[in-house]
Amino acid sequence: MGAARESFSSLFIPGTLALVTAFVGFITLVLIPIPMIRELGITASIGVGYKIITNLIMLPVVASFFRYSRSYALHLEELQAKRG
């Protein structure tokens, strides 16, 4: 639970800024008076919107439901300590 909370809080702002920037970039394609480009901008904006929902909201929530044994957690801590 703590790892999911930590990953969410540390990735939320930079992840949101990157995805919102991409969203705004694709929305500007809607201003171009070519129908195919306009369609592309709308479709890409919807895709980025779904990515915001899945990666920044749903993934940390799902990760919070995983439970690991204490021995597995200690093993991971040992591995992390060996790496430096």
PDB file of N, CA and C in Angstrom:
ATOM      1  N   MET A   1       0.833  -1.190   0.000  1.00  0.00           N
ATOM      2  CA  MET A   1       0.000   0.000   0.000  1.00  0.00           C
ATOM      3  C   MET A   1       0.873   1.248   0.000  1.00  0.00           C
ATOM      4  N   GLY A   2       1.932   1.212   0.791  1.00  0.00           N
ATOM      5  CA  GLY A   2       2.836   2.356   0.861  1.00  0.00           C
ATOM      6  C   GLY A   2       3.558   2.601  -0.448  1.00  0.00           C
ATOM      7  N   ALA A   3       3.965   1.508  -1.115  1.00  0.00           N
ATOM      8  CA  ALA A   3       4.660   1.653  -2.398  1.00  0.00           C
ATOM      9  C   ALA A   3       3.739   2.236  -3.458  1.00  0.00           C
ATOM     10  N   ALA A   4       2.494   1.798  -3.469  1.00  0.00           N
ATOM     11  CA  ALA A   4       1.533   2.332  -4.436  1.00  0.00           C
ATOM     12  C   ALA A   4       1.281   3.815  -4.184  1.00  0.00           C
ATOM     13  N   ARG A   5       1.156   4.174  -2.917  1.00  0.00           N
ATOM     14  CA  ARG A   5       0.933   5.582  -2.565  1.00  0.00           C
ATOM     15  C   ARG A   5       2.140   6.435  -2.950  1.00  0.00           C
ATOM     16  N   GLU A   6       3.342   5.903  -2.680  1.00  0.00           N
ATOM     17  CA  GLU A   6       4.571   6.638  -2.999  1.00  0.00           C
ATOM     18  C   GLU A   6       4.742   6.809  -4.500  1.00  0.00           C
ATOM     19  N   SER A   7       4.484   5.749  -5.266  1.00  0.00           N
ATOM     20  CA  SER A   7       4.633   5.860  -6.721  1.00  0.00           C
ATOM     21  C   SER A   7       3.607   6.824  -7.299  1.00  0.00           C
ATOM     22  N   PHE A   8       2.395   6.793  -6.768  1.00  0.00           N
ATOM     23  CA  PHE A   8       1.365   7.712  -7.246  1.00  0.00           C
ATOM     24  C   PHE A   8       1.743   9.156  -6.960  1.00  0.00           C
ATOM     25  N   SER A   9       2.176   9.430  -5.741  1.00  0.00           N
ATOM     26  CA  SER A   9       2.469  10.815  -5.379  1.00  0.00           C
ATOM     27  C   SER A   9       3.718  11.350  -6.078  1.00  0.00           C
ATOM     28  N   SER A  10       4.689  10.486  -6.353  1.00  0.00           N
ATOM     29  CA  SER A  10       5.909  10.981  -7.007  1.00  0.00           C
ATOM     30  C   SER A  10       5.752  11.106  -8.519  1.00  0.00           C
ATOM     31  N   LEU A  11       4.843  10.356  -9.112  1.00  0.00           N
ATOM     32  CA  LEU A  11       4.667  10.408 -10.565  1.00  0.00           C
ATOM     33  C   LEU A  11       3.466  11.233 -11.010  1.00  0.00           C
ATOM     34  N   PHE A  12       2.637  11.642 -10.090  1.00  0.00           N
ATOM     35  CA  PHE A  12       1.399  12.310 -10.471  1.00  0.00           C
ATOM     36  C   PHE A  12       1.638  13.633 -11.194  1.00  0.00           C
ATOM     37  N   ILE A  13       2.426  14.519 -10.613  1.00  0.00           N
ATOM     38  CA  ILE A  13       2.622  15.851 -11.216  1.00  0.00           C
ATOM     39  C   ILE A  13       3.387  15.771 -12.539  1.00  0.00           C
ATOM     40  N   PRO A  14       4.567  15.121 -12.609  1.00  0.00           N
ATOM     41  CA  PRO A  14       5.255  15.077 -13.907  1.00  0.00           C
ATOM     42  C   PRO A  14       4.474  14.287 -14.953  1.00  0.00           C
ATOM     43  N   GLY A  15       3.830  13.220 -14.542  1.00  0.00           N
ATOM     44  CA  GLY A  15       3.044  12.436 -15.496  1.00  0.00           C
ATOM     45  C   GLY A  15       1.856  13.221 -16.028  1.00  0.00           C
ATOM     46  N   THR A  16       1.185  13.925 -15.139  1.00  0.00           N
ATOM     47  CA  THR A  16       0.047  14.738 -15.554  1.00  0.00           C
ATOM     48  C   THR A  16       0.482  15.855 -16.485  1.00  0.00           C
ATOM     49  N   LEU A  17       1.582  16.511 -16.166  1.00  0.00           N
ATOM     50  CA  LEU A  17       2.060  17.598 -17.032  1.00  0.00           C
ATOM     51  C   LEU A  17       2.425  17.090 -18.429  1.00  0.00           C
ATOM     52  N   ALA A  18       3.082  15.952 -18.493  1.00  0.00           N
ATOM     53  CA  ALA A  18       3.460  15.395 -19.794  1.00  0.00           C
ATOM     54  C   ALA A  18       2.233  15.022 -20.610  1.00  0.00           C
ATOM     55  N   LEU A  19       1.269  14.378 -19.972  1.00  0.00           N
ATOM     56  CA  LEU A  19       0.079  13.964 -20.703  1.00  0.00           C
ATOM     57  C   LEU A  19      -0.819  15.148 -21.067  1.00  0.00           C
ATOM     58  N   VAL A  20      -0.911  16.136 -20.201  1.00  0.00           N
ATOM     59  CA  VAL A  20      -1.716  17.326 -20.522  1.00  0.00           C
ATOM     60  C   VAL A  20      -1.073  18.099 -21.669  1.00  0.00           C
ATOM     61  N   THR A  21       0.249  18.159 -21.686  1.00  0.00           N
ATOM     62  CA  THR A  21       0.941  18.816 -22.797  1.00  0.00           C
ATOM     63  C   THR A  21       0.649  18.107 -24.113  1.00  0.00           C
ATOM     64  N   ALA A  22       0.695  16.782 -24.107  1.00  0.00           N
ATOM     65  CA  ALA A  22       0.364  16.019 -25.315  1.00  0.00           C
ATOM     66  C   ALA A  22      -1.094  16.240 -25.699  1.00  0.00           C
ATOM     67  N   PHE A  23      -1.968  16.277 -24.711  1.00  0.00           N
ATOM     68  CA  PHE A  23      -3.392  16.502 -24.959  1.00  0.00           C
ATOM     69  C   PHE A  23      -3.625  17.853 -25.623  1.00  0.00           C
ATOM     70  N   VAL A  24      -2.994  18.892 -25.091  1.00  0.00           N
ATOM     71  CA  VAL A  24      -3.134  20.240 -25.668  1.00  0.00           C
ATOM     72  C   VAL A  24      -2.568  20.279 -27.089  1.00  0.00           C
ATOM     73  N   GLY A  25      -1.453  19.598 -27.307  1.00  0.00           N
ATOM     74  CA  GLY A  25      -0.867  19.544 -28.649  1.00  0.00           C
ATOM     75  C   GLY A  25      -1.802  18.902 -29.651  1.00  0.00           C
ATOM     76  N   PHE A  26      -2.449  17.828 -29.245  1.00  0.00           N
ATOM     77  CA  PHE A  26      -3.379  17.163 -30.156  1.00  0.00           C
ATOM     78  C   PHE A  26      -4.657  17.966 -30.351  1.00  0.00           C
ATOM     79  N   ILE A  27      -5.088  18.661 -29.310  1.00  0.00           N
ATOM     80  CA  ILE A  27      -6.286  19.498 -29.441  1.00  0.00           C
ATOM     81  C   ILE A  27      -6.045  20.635 -30.431  1.00  0.00           C
ATOM     82  N   THR A  28      -4.816  21.145 -30.492  1.00  0.00           N
ATOM     83  CA  THR A  28      -4.536  22.224 -31.445  1.00  0.00           C
ATOM     84  C   THR A  28      -4.677  21.742 -32.888  1.00  0.00           C
ATOM     85  N   LEU A  29      -4.551  20.446 -33.121  1.00  0.00           N
ATOM     86  CA  LEU A  29      -4.763  19.919 -34.467  1.00  0.00           C
ATOM     87  C   LEU A  29      -6.206  20.098 -34.923  1.00  0.00           C
ATOM     88  N   VAL A  30      -7.114  20.246 -33.970  1.00  0.00           N
ATOM     89  CA  VAL A  30      -8.527  20.447 -34.311  1.00  0.00           C
ATOM     90  C   VAL A  30      -8.730  21.802 -34.992  1.00  0.00           C
ATOM     91  N   LEU A  31      -7.841  22.737 -34.731  1.00  0.00           N
ATOM     92  CA  LEU A  31      -7.969  24.067 -35.320  1.00  0.00           C
ATOM     93  C   LEU A  31      -7.609  24.099 -36.808  1.00  0.00           C
ATOM     94  N   ILE A  32      -6.913  23.079 -37.293  1.00  0.00           N
ATOM     95  CA  ILE A  32      -6.521  23.014 -38.705  1.00  0.00           C
ATOM     96  C   ILE A  32      -7.749  22.662 -39.533  1.00  0.00           C
ATOM     97  N   PRO A  33      -8.018  23.416 -40.607  1.00  0.00           N
ATOM     98  CA  PRO A  33      -9.261  23.219 -41.360  1.00  0.00           C
ATOM     99  C   PRO A  33      -9.259  22.022 -42.325  1.00  0.00           C
ATOM    100  N   ILE A  34      -8.430  21.033 -42.098  1.00  0.00           N
ATOM    101  CA  ILE A  34      -8.419  19.826 -42.926  1.00  0.00           C
ATOM    102  C   ILE A  34      -9.132  18.731 -42.134  1.00  0.00           C
ATOM    103  N   PRO A  35     -10.224  18.166 -42.682  1.00  0.00           N
ATOM    104  CA  PRO A  35     -11.032  17.204 -41.918  1.00  0.00           C
ATOM    105  C   PRO A  35     -10.252  15.995 -41.401  1.00  0.00           C
ATOM    106  N   MET A  36      -9.342  15.447 -42.188  1.00  0.00           N
ATOM    107  CA  MET A  36      -8.602  14.263 -41.757  1.00  0.00           C
ATOM    108  C   MET A  36      -7.676  14.597 -40.576  1.00  0.00           C
ATOM    109  N   ILE A  37      -7.037  15.759 -40.619  1.00  0.00           N
ATOM    110  CA  ILE A  37      -6.162  16.190 -39.524  1.00  0.00           C
ATOM    111  C   ILE A  37      -7.000  16.463 -38.274  1.00  0.00           C
ATOM    112  N   ARG A  38      -8.147  17.053 -38.472  1.00  0.00           N
ATOM    113  CA  ARG A  38      -9.052  17.330 -37.358  1.00  0.00           C
ATOM    114  C   ARG A  38      -9.483  16.026 -36.670  1.00  0.00           C
ATOM    115  N   GLU A  39      -9.829  15.022 -37.479  1.00  0.00           N
ATOM    116  CA  GLU A  39     -10.198  13.715 -36.955  1.00  0.00           C
ATOM    117  C   GLU A  39      -9.052  13.076 -36.174  1.00  0.00           C
ATOM    118  N   LEU A  40      -7.847  13.198 -36.725  1.00  0.00           N
ATOM    119  CA  LEU A  40      -6.658  12.661 -36.063  1.00  0.00           C
ATOM    120  C   LEU A  40      -6.451  13.327 -34.703  1.00  0.00           C
ATOM    121  N   GLY A  41      -6.632  14.628 -34.649  1.00  0.00           N
ATOM    122  CA  GLY A  41      -6.479  15.357 -33.384  1.00  0.00           C
ATOM    123  C   GLY A  41      -7.490  14.926 -32.341  1.00  0.00           C
ATOM    124  N   ILE A  42      -8.723  14.718 -32.756  1.00  0.00           N
ATOM    125  CA  ILE A  42      -9.765  14.284 -31.820  1.00  0.00           C
ATOM    126  C   ILE A  42      -9.467  12.876 -31.312  1.00  0.00           C
ATOM    127  N   THR A  43      -9.126  11.978 -32.223  1.00  0.00           N
ATOM    128  CA  THR A  43      -8.835  10.592 -31.840  1.00  0.00           C
ATOM    129  C   THR A  43      -7.627  10.513 -30.907  1.00  0.00           C
ATOM    130  N   ALA A  44      -6.572  11.249 -31.228  1.00  0.00           N
ATOM    131  CA  ALA A  44      -5.378  11.239 -30.385  1.00  0.00           C
ATOM    132  C   ALA A  44      -5.667  11.845 -29.017  1.00  0.00           C
ATOM    133  N   SER A  45      -6.496  12.873 -28.956  1.00  0.00           N
ATOM    134  CA  SER A  45      -6.848  13.487 -27.675  1.00  0.00           C
ATOM    135  C   SER A  45      -7.627  12.520 -26.798  1.00  0.00           C
ATOM    136  N   ILE A  46      -8.530  11.770 -27.395  1.00  0.00           N
ATOM    137  CA  ILE A  46      -9.279  10.764 -26.637  1.00  0.00           C
ATOM    138  C   ILE A  46      -8.322   9.698 -26.104  1.00  0.00           C
ATOM    139  N   GLY A  47      -7.368   9.282 -26.932  1.00  0.00           N
ATOM    140  CA  GLY A  47      -6.384   8.290 -26.502  1.00  0.00           C
ATOM    141  C   GLY A  47      -5.543   8.774 -25.340  1.00  0.00           C
ATOM    142  N   VAL A  48      -5.119  10.031 -25.379  1.00  0.00           N
ATOM    143  CA  VAL A  48      -4.327  10.584 -24.275  1.00  0.00           C
ATOM    144  C   VAL A  48      -5.187  10.699 -23.017  1.00  0.00           C
ATOM    145  N   GLY A  49      -6.447  11.035 -23.191  1.00  0.00           N
ATOM    146  CA  GLY A  49      -7.360  11.083 -22.044  1.00  0.00           C
ATOM    147  C   GLY A  49      -7.484   9.726 -21.366  1.00  0.00           C
ATOM    148  N   TYR A  50      -7.622   8.673 -22.164  1.00  0.00           N
ATOM    149  CA  TYR A  50      -7.675   7.323 -21.604  1.00  0.00           C
ATOM    150  C   TYR A  50      -6.360   6.950 -20.925  1.00  0.00           C
ATOM    151  N   LYS A  51      -5.261   7.401 -21.485  1.00  0.00           N
ATOM    152  CA  LYS A  51      -3.953   7.106 -20.884  1.00  0.00           C
ATOM    153  C   LYS A  51      -3.821   7.793 -19.532  1.00  0.00           C
ATOM    154  N   ILE A  52      -4.330   9.008 -19.409  1.00  0.00           N
ATOM    155  CA  ILE A  52      -4.317   9.703 -18.125  1.00  0.00           C
ATOM    156  C   ILE A  52      -5.094   8.894 -17.090  1.00  0.00           C
ATOM    157  N   ILE A  53      -6.268   8.416 -17.481  1.00  0.00           N
ATOM    158  CA  ILE A  53      -7.104   7.665 -16.548  1.00  0.00           C
ATOM    159  C   ILE A  53      -6.441   6.353 -16.148  1.00  0.00           C
ATOM    160  N   THR A  54      -5.930   5.606 -17.135  1.00  0.00           N
ATOM    161  CA  THR A  54      -5.384   4.282 -16.810  1.00  0.00           C
ATOM    162  C   THR A  54      -4.047   4.367 -16.086  1.00  0.00           C
ATOM    163  N   ASN A  55      -3.113   5.141 -16.584  1.00  0.00           N
ATOM    164  CA  ASN A  55      -1.763   5.154 -16.006  1.00  0.00           C
ATOM    165  C   ASN A  55      -1.666   5.928 -14.696  1.00  0.00           C
ATOM    166  N   LEU A  56      -2.372   7.017 -14.564  1.00  0.00           N
ATOM    167  CA  LEU A  56      -2.209   7.852 -13.383  1.00  0.00           C
ATOM    168  C   LEU A  56      -3.237   7.584 -12.293  1.00  0.00           C
ATOM    169  N   ILE A  57      -4.340   6.942 -12.638  1.00  0.00           N
ATOM    170  CA  ILE A  57      -5.378   6.704 -11.632  1.00  0.00           C
ATOM    171  C   ILE A  57      -5.577   5.214 -11.383  1.00  0.00           C
ATOM    172  N   MET A  58      -5.893   4.459 -12.441  1.00  0.00           N
ATOM    173  CA  MET A  58      -6.243   3.052 -12.248  1.00  0.00           C
ATOM    174  C   MET A  58      -5.051   2.175 -11.870  1.00  0.00           C
ATOM    175  N   LEU A  59      -3.897   2.405 -12.451  1.00  0.00           N
ATOM    176  CA  LEU A  59      -2.728   1.565 -12.166  1.00  0.00           C
ATOM    177  C   LEU A  59      -2.297   1.623 -10.701  1.00  0.00           C
ATOM    178  N   PRO A  60      -2.167   2.807 -10.091  1.00  0.00           N
ATOM    179  CA  PRO A  60      -1.838   2.818  -8.656  1.00  0.00           C
ATOM    180  C   PRO A  60      -2.923   2.192  -7.776  1.00  0.00           C
ATOM    181  N   VAL A  61      -4.184   2.340  -8.168  1.00  0.00           N
ATOM    182  CA  VAL A  61      -5.263   1.735  -7.384  1.00  0.00           C
ATOM    183  C   VAL A  61      -5.165   0.212  -7.443  1.00  0.00           C
ATOM    184  N   VAL A  62      -4.945  -0.330  -8.635  1.00  0.00           N
ATOM    185  CA  VAL A  62      -4.801  -1.780  -8.779  1.00  0.00           C
ATOM    186  C   VAL A  62      -3.561  -2.276  -8.041  1.00  0.00           C
ATOM    187  N   ALA A  63      -2.469  -1.527  -8.127  1.00  0.00           N
ATOM    188  CA  ALA A  63      -1.239  -1.927  -7.441  1.00  0.00           C
ATOM    189  C   ALA A  63      -1.417  -1.953  -5.930  1.00  0.00           C
ATOM    190  N   SER A  64      -2.310  -1.147  -5.401  1.00  0.00           N
ATOM    191  CA  SER A  64      -2.524  -1.130  -3.954  1.00  0.00           C
ATOM    192  C   SER A  64      -3.207  -2.399  -3.458  1.00  0.00           C
ATOM    193  N   PHE A  65      -3.820  -3.176  -4.345  1.00  0.00           N
ATOM    194  CA  PHE A  65      -4.493  -4.406  -3.941  1.00  0.00           C
ATOM    195  C   PHE A  65      -3.548  -5.608  -3.844  1.00  0.00           C
ATOM    196  N   PHE A  66      -2.342  -5.513  -4.395  1.00  0.00           N
ATOM    197  CA  PHE A  66      -1.402  -6.623  -4.327  1.00  0.00           C
ATOM    198  C   PHE A  66      -0.832  -6.744  -2.927  1.00  0.00           C
ATOM    199  N   ARG A  67      -0.747  -7.951  -2.443  1.00  0.00           N
ATOM    200  CA  ARG A  67      -0.192  -8.218  -1.115  1.00  0.00           C
ATOM    201  C   ARG A  67       0.969  -9.202  -1.264  1.00  0.00           C
ATOM    202  N   TYR A  68       2.055  -8.938  -0.557  1.00  0.00           N
ATOM    203  CA  TYR A  68       3.229  -9.809  -0.593  1.00  0.00           C
ATOM    204  C   TYR A  68       3.583 -10.220   0.821  1.00  0.00           C
ATOM    205  N   SER A  69       4.186 -11.394   0.944  1.00  0.00           N
ATOM    206  CA  SER A  69       4.573 -11.884   2.261  1.00  0.00           C
ATOM    207  C   SER A  69       5.754 -11.063   2.796  1.00  0.00           C
ATOM    208  N   ARG A  70       5.941 -11.152   4.080  1.00  0.00           N
ATOM    209  CA  ARG A  70       7.029 -10.412   4.733  1.00  0.00           C
ATOM    210  C   ARG A  70       8.387 -10.920   4.247  1.00  0.00           C
ATOM    211  N   SER A  71       8.512 -12.232   4.022  1.00  0.00           N
ATOM    212  CA  SER A  71       9.792 -12.788   3.564  1.00  0.00           C
ATOM    213  C   SER A  71      10.147 -12.275   2.167  1.00  0.00           C
ATOM    214  N   TYR A  72       9.140 -12.136   1.318  1.00  0.00           N
ATOM    215  CA  TYR A  72       9.393 -11.612  -0.028  1.00  0.00           C
ATOM    216  C   TYR A  72       9.840 -10.148   0.052  1.00  0.00           C
ATOM    217  N   ALA A  73       9.219  -9.381   0.912  1.00  0.00           N
ATOM    218  CA  ALA A  73       9.597  -7.977   1.079  1.00  0.00           C
ATOM    219  C   ALA A  73      11.022  -7.854   1.599  1.00  0.00           C
ATOM    220  N   LEU A  74      11.399  -8.707   2.548  1.00  0.00           N
ATOM    221  CA  LEU A  74      12.771  -8.687   3.058  1.00  0.00           C
ATOM    222  C   LEU A  74      13.771  -9.079   1.978  1.00  0.00           C
ATOM    223  N   HIS A  75      13.409 -10.052   1.157  1.00  0.00           N
ATOM    224  CA  HIS A  75      14.274 -10.461   0.051  1.00  0.00           C
ATOM    225  C   HIS A  75      14.493  -9.300  -0.919  1.00  0.00           C
ATOM    226  N   LEU A  76      13.444  -8.573  -1.229  1.00  0.00           N
ATOM    227  CA  LEU A  76      13.567  -7.423  -2.130  1.00  0.00           C
ATOM    228  C   LEU A  76      14.431  -6.328  -1.518  1.00  0.00           C
ATOM    229  N   GLU A  77      14.291  -6.108  -0.217  1.00  0.00           N
ATOM    230  CA  GLU A  77      15.129  -5.112   0.455  1.00  0.00           C
ATOM    231  C   GLU A  77      16.600  -5.510   0.413  1.00  0.00           C
ATOM    232  N   GLU A  78      16.887  -6.793   0.576  1.00  0.00           N
ATOM    233  CA  GLU A  78      18.268  -7.273   0.488  1.00  0.00           C
ATOM    234  C   GLU A  78      18.832  -7.052  -0.915  1.00  0.00           C
ATOM    235  N   LEU A  79      18.041  -7.358  -1.911  1.00  0.00           N
ATOM    236  CA  LEU A  79      18.485  -7.144  -3.296  1.00  0.00           C
ATOM    237  C   LEU A  79      18.758  -5.673  -3.565  1.00  0.00           C
ATOM    238  N   GLN A  80      17.889  -4.834  -3.069  1.00  0.00           N
ATOM    239  CA  GLN A  80      18.053  -3.389  -3.267  1.00  0.00           C
ATOM    240  C   GLN A  80      19.294  -2.885  -2.539  1.00  0.00           C
ATOM    241  N   ALA A  81      19.586  -3.424  -1.366  1.00  0.00           N
ATOM    242  CA  ALA A  81      20.776  -3.014  -0.622  1.00  0.00           C
ATOM    243  C   ALA A  81      22.044  -3.451  -1.334  1.00  0.00           C
ATOM    244  N   LYS A  82      22.018  -4.611  -1.970  1.00  0.00           N
ATOM    245  CA  LYS A  82      23.192  -5.091  -2.714  1.00  0.00           C
ATOM    246  C   LYS A  82      23.495  -4.220  -3.940  1.00  0.00           C
ATOM    247  N   ARG A  83      22.436  -3.700  -4.553  1.00  0.00           N
ATOM    248  CA  ARG A  83      22.614  -2.863  -5.746  1.00  0.00           C
ATOM    249  C   ARG A  83      23.231  -1.507  -5.400  1.00  0.00           C
ATOM    250  N   GLY A  84      23.057  -1.078  -4.200  1.00  0.00           N
ATOM    251  CA  GLY A  84      23.724   0.152  -3.794  1.00  0.00           C
ATOM    252  C   GLY A  84      22.791   1.187  -3.407  1.00  0.00           C
TER     253      GLY A  84
END
